[in-house]
C-alpha atoms as a PDB file:
ATOM      1  CA  UNK A   1     110.938 100.516  85.214  1.00  0.00           C
ATOM      2  CA  UNK A   2     107.584 101.621  86.587  1.00  0.00           C
ATOM      3  CA  UNK A   3     105.592 104.728  85.831  1.00  0.00           C
ATOM      4  CA  UNK A   4     106.565 105.969  89.300  1.00  0.00           C
ATOM      5  CA  UNK A   5     110.112 106.326  87.899  1.00  0.00           C
ATOM      6  CA  UNK A   6     108.974 108.705  85.125  1.00  0.00           C
ATOM      7  CA  UNK A   7     109.660 112.033  86.884  1.00  0.00           C
ATOM      8  CA  UNK A   8     113.211 111.001  87.828  1.00  0.00           C
ATOM      9  CA  UNK A   9     113.955 109.649  84.336  1.00  0.00           C
ATOM     10  CA  UNK A  10     112.639 112.804  82.660  1.00  0.00           C
ATOM     11  CA  UNK A  11     114.640 115.015  85.056  1.00  0.00           C
ATOM     12  CA  UNK A  12     117.813 113.038  84.288  1.00  0.00           C
ATOM     13  CA  UNK A  13     117.168 113.430  80.543  1.00  0.00           C
ATOM     14  CA  UNK A  14     116.651 117.166  80.963  1.00  0.00           C
ATOM     15  CA  UNK A  15     119.830 117.475  83.059  1.00  0.00           C
ATOM     16  CA  UNK A  16     121.906 115.572  80.477  1.00  0.00           C
ATOM     17  CA  UNK A  17     120.547 117.763  77.674  1.00  0.00           C
ATOM     18  CA  UNK A  18     121.372 120.914  79.655  1.00  0.00           C
ATOM     19  CA  UNK A  19     124.941 119.708  80.223  1.00  0.00           C
ATOM     20  CA  UNK A  20     125.336 119.028  76.509  1.00  0.00           C
ATOM     21  CA  UNK A  21     123.990 122.518  75.749  1.00  0.00           C
ATOM     22  CA  UNK A  22     126.633 124.120  77.955  1.00  0.00           C
ATOM     23  CA  UNK A  23     129.375 122.255  76.066  1.00  0.00           C
ATOM     24  CA  UNK A  24     128.178 123.089  72.546  1.00  0.00           C
ATOM     25  CA  UNK A  25     129.062 126.169  70.518  1.00  0.00           C
ATOM     26  CA  UNK A  26     126.174 125.809  68.040  1.00  0.00           C
ATOM     27  CA  UNK A  27     123.441 128.477  68.082  1.00  0.00           C
ATOM     28  CA  UNK A  28     120.450 127.809  70.351  1.00  0.00           C
ATOM     29  CA  UNK A  29     117.629 126.144  68.443  1.00  0.00           C
ATOM     30  CA  UNK A  30     119.964 124.171  66.182  1.00  0.00           C
ATOM     31  CA  UNK A  31     121.439 121.803  68.775  1.00  0.00           C
ATOM     32  CA  UNK A  32     120.151 118.284  69.260  1.00  0.00           C
ATOM     33  CA  UNK A  33     120.058 118.901  73.012  1.00  0.00           C
ATOM     34  CA  UNK A  34     117.446 121.629  72.384  1.00  0.00           C
ATOM     35  CA  UNK A  35     115.280 118.999  70.695  1.00  0.00           C
ATOM     36  CA  UNK A  36     115.731 116.664  73.652  1.00  0.00           C
ATOM     37  CA  UNK A  37     114.750 119.416  76.074  1.00  0.00           C
ATOM     38  CA  UNK A  38     111.649 120.225  74.037  1.00  0.00           C
ATOM     39  CA  UNK A  39     110.670 116.548  73.854  1.00  0.00           C
ATOM     40  CA  UNK A  40     111.129 116.082  77.600  1.00  0.00           C
ATOM     41  CA  UNK A  41     109.006 119.186  78.239  1.00  0.00           C
ATOM     42  CA  UNK A  42     106.309 117.829  75.907  1.00  0.00           C
ATOM     43  CA  UNK A  43     106.263 114.487  77.725  1.00  0.00           C
ATOM     44  CA  UNK A  44     106.032 116.281  81.083  1.00  0.00           C
ATOM     45  CA  UNK A  45     103.097 118.344  79.787  1.00  0.00           C
ATOM     46  CA  UNK A  46     101.311 115.211  78.574  1.00  0.00           C
ATOM     47  CA  UNK A  47     101.858 113.539  81.972  1.00  0.00           C
ATOM     48  CA  UNK A  48     100.825 116.584  84.047  1.00  0.00           C
ATOM     49  CA  UNK A  49      97.086 115.746  84.162  1.00  0.00           C
ATOM     50  CA  UNK A  50      97.760 111.997  84.630  1.00  0.00           C
ATOM     51  CA  UNK A  51      98.875 111.915  88.266  1.00  0.00           C
ATOM     52  CA  UNK A  52      97.766 109.782  91.206  1.00  0.00           C
ATOM     53  CA  UNK A  53      94.417 111.078  92.408  1.00  0.00           C
ATOM     54  CA  UNK A  54      91.893 110.177  95.052  1.00  0.00           C
ATOM     55  CA  UNK A  55      91.643 106.721  96.517  1.00  0.00           C
ATOM     56  CA  UNK A  56      88.733 104.921  94.846  1.00  0.00           C
ATOM     57  CA  UNK A  57      86.774 102.122  96.488  1.00  0.00           C
ATOM     58  CA  UNK A  58      84.634  99.729  94.449  1.00  0.00           C
ATOM     59  CA  UNK A  59      82.764  96.894  96.121  1.00  0.00           C
ATOM     60  CA  UNK A  60      81.595  95.863  99.576  1.00  0.00           C
ATOM     61  CA  UNK A  61      83.107  97.209 102.787  1.00  0.00           C
ATOM     62  CA  UNK A  62      82.764  95.746 106.280  1.00  0.00           C
ATOM     63  CA  UNK A  63      80.990  97.660 109.070  1.00  0.00           C
ATOM     64  CA  UNK A  64      84.315  98.934 110.417  1.00  0.00           C
ATOM     65  CA  UNK A  65      85.331 100.492 107.064  1.00  0.00           C
ATOM     66  CA  UNK A  66      81.930 101.419 105.550  1.00  0.00           C
ATOM     67  CA  UNK A  67      82.385 105.161 106.210  1.00  0.00           C
ATOM     68  CA  UNK A  68      85.520 105.214 104.020  1.00  0.00           C
ATOM     69  CA  UNK A  69      83.283 105.162 100.958  1.00  0.00           C
ATOM     70  CA  UNK A  70      81.926 108.634 101.795  1.00  0.00           C
ATOM     71  CA  UNK A  71      85.136 110.463 102.713  1.00  0.00           C
ATOM     72  CA  UNK A  72      88.612 110.942 101.292  1.00  0.00           C
ATOM     73  CA  UNK A  73      90.869 108.375 102.881  1.00  0.00           C
ATOM     74  CA  UNK A  74      94.608 108.270 103.379  1.00  0.00           C
ATOM     75  CA  UNK A  75      96.889 105.650 101.896  1.00  0.00           C
ATOM     76  CA  UNK A  76      97.170 104.091 105.385  1.00  0.00           C
ATOM     77  CA  UNK A  77      93.373 103.756 105.598  1.00  0.00           C
ATOM     78  CA  UNK A  78      93.307 102.333 102.067  1.00  0.00           C
ATOM     79  CA  UNK A  79      95.900  99.741 103.100  1.00  0.00           C
ATOM     80  CA  UNK A  80      93.648  98.824 106.044  1.00  0.00           C
ATOM     81  CA  UNK A  81      90.737  98.181 103.675  1.00  0.00           C
ATOM     82  CA  UNK A  82      92.967  96.124 101.365  1.00  0.00           C
ATOM     83  CA  UNK A  83      94.191  94.023 104.309  1.00  0.00           C
ATOM     84  CA  UNK A  84      90.746  93.547 105.874  1.00  0.00           C
ATOM     85  CA  UNK A  85      89.484  89.978 105.399  1.00  0.00           C
ATOM     86  CA  UNK A  86      85.855  91.186 105.648  1.00  0.00           C
ATOM     87  CA  UNK A  87      86.129  93.830 102.894  1.00  0.00           C
ATOM     88  CA  UNK A  88      85.762  92.588  99.339  1.00  0.00           C
ATOM     89  CA  UNK A  89      86.259  96.037  97.810  1.00  0.00           C
ATOM     90  CA  UNK A  90      88.868  96.933  95.240  1.00  0.00           C
ATOM     91  CA  UNK A  91      90.878  99.942  96.448  1.00  0.00           C
ATOM     92  CA  UNK A  92      93.158 101.968  94.182  1.00  0.00           C
ATOM     93  CA  UNK A  93      94.488 105.456  93.454  1.00  0.00           C
ATOM     94  CA  UNK A  94      92.674 106.871  90.468  1.00  0.00           C
ATOM     95  CA  UNK A  95      94.270 108.804  87.610  1.00  0.00           C
ATOM     96  CA  UNK A  96      93.422 112.514  87.767  1.00  0.00           C
ATOM     97  CA  UNK A  97      93.445 112.769  83.964  1.00  0.00           C
ATOM     98  CA  UNK A  98      91.458 109.635  83.137  1.00  0.00           C
ATOM     99  CA  UNK A  99      88.956 109.839  86.004  1.00  0.00           C
ATOM    100  CA  UNK A 100      88.032 107.795  89.064  1.00  0.00           C
ATOM    101  CA  UNK A 101      87.263 104.695  87.017  1.00  0.00           C
ATOM    102  CA  UNK A 102      90.932 104.285  85.967  1.00  0.00           C
ATOM    103  CA  UNK A 103      93.632 103.053  88.333  1.00  0.00           C
ATOM    104  CA  UNK A 104      96.709 105.294  88.002  1.00  0.00           C
ATOM    105  CA  UNK A 105      98.788 102.119  87.463  1.00  0.00           C
ATOM    106  CA  UNK A 106      96.582 101.305  84.453  1.00  0.00           C
ATOM    107  CA  UNK A 107      96.539 104.826  82.972  1.00  0.00           C
ATOM    108  CA  UNK A 108      97.080 104.316  79.230  1.00  0.00           C
ATOM    109  CA  UNK A 109      99.072 107.549  78.864  1.00  0.00           C
ATOM    110  CA  UNK A 110     101.508 106.684  81.665  1.00  0.00           C
ATOM    111  CA  UNK A 111     101.730 103.073  80.441  1.00  0.00           C
ATOM    112  CA  UNK A 112     102.639 104.032  76.864  1.00  0.00           C
ATOM    113  CA  UNK A 113     105.284 106.544  77.965  1.00  0.00           C
ATOM    114  CA  UNK A 114     106.768 104.112  80.502  1.00  0.00           C
ATOM    115  CA  UNK A 115     106.984 101.323  77.884  1.00  0.00           C
ATOM    116  CA  UNK A 116     108.592 103.628  75.327  1.00  0.00           C
ATOM    117  CA  UNK A 117     111.212 104.863  77.788  1.00  0.00           C
ATOM    118  CA  UNK A 118     111.902 101.326  79.039  1.00  0.00           C
ATOM    119  CA  UNK A 119     112.344 100.080  75.466  1.00  0.00           C
ATOM    120  CA  UNK A 120     114.713 102.957  74.697  1.00  0.00           C
ATOM    121  CA  UNK A 121     116.833 102.103  77.751  1.00  0.00           C
ATOM    122  CA  UNK A 122     117.023  98.378  76.942  1.00  0.00           C
ATOM    123  CA  UNK A 123     120.024  97.395  74.794  1.00  0.00           C
ATOM    124  CA  UNK A 124     119.050  95.691  71.552  1.00  0.00           C
END
């Protein structure tokens, strides 16, 4: 599981909890599915600021790509910099919550949540 899977996993959890709620006669607020829904909503709120942000470039760029440092670039342009043998720059999508210095794939918040959900889905 990757952190890119998080939205789909959380949606599936919310959907399962909603189905359970429709099948239960207990009062709202006392059902376990209500707890699940609240926990999923809390996780979504924690993740909201930690989304893929702007492409960040650190390091040297060749003459062909040097203007990319000064403008927002698309993922296709970022792939061109990554593939360029003359560019020695590191190119990554930053985390909007952590700042431009943190690669979204290394965001500690997303990493912790992804690990916890992966561990919960792995049979003991």
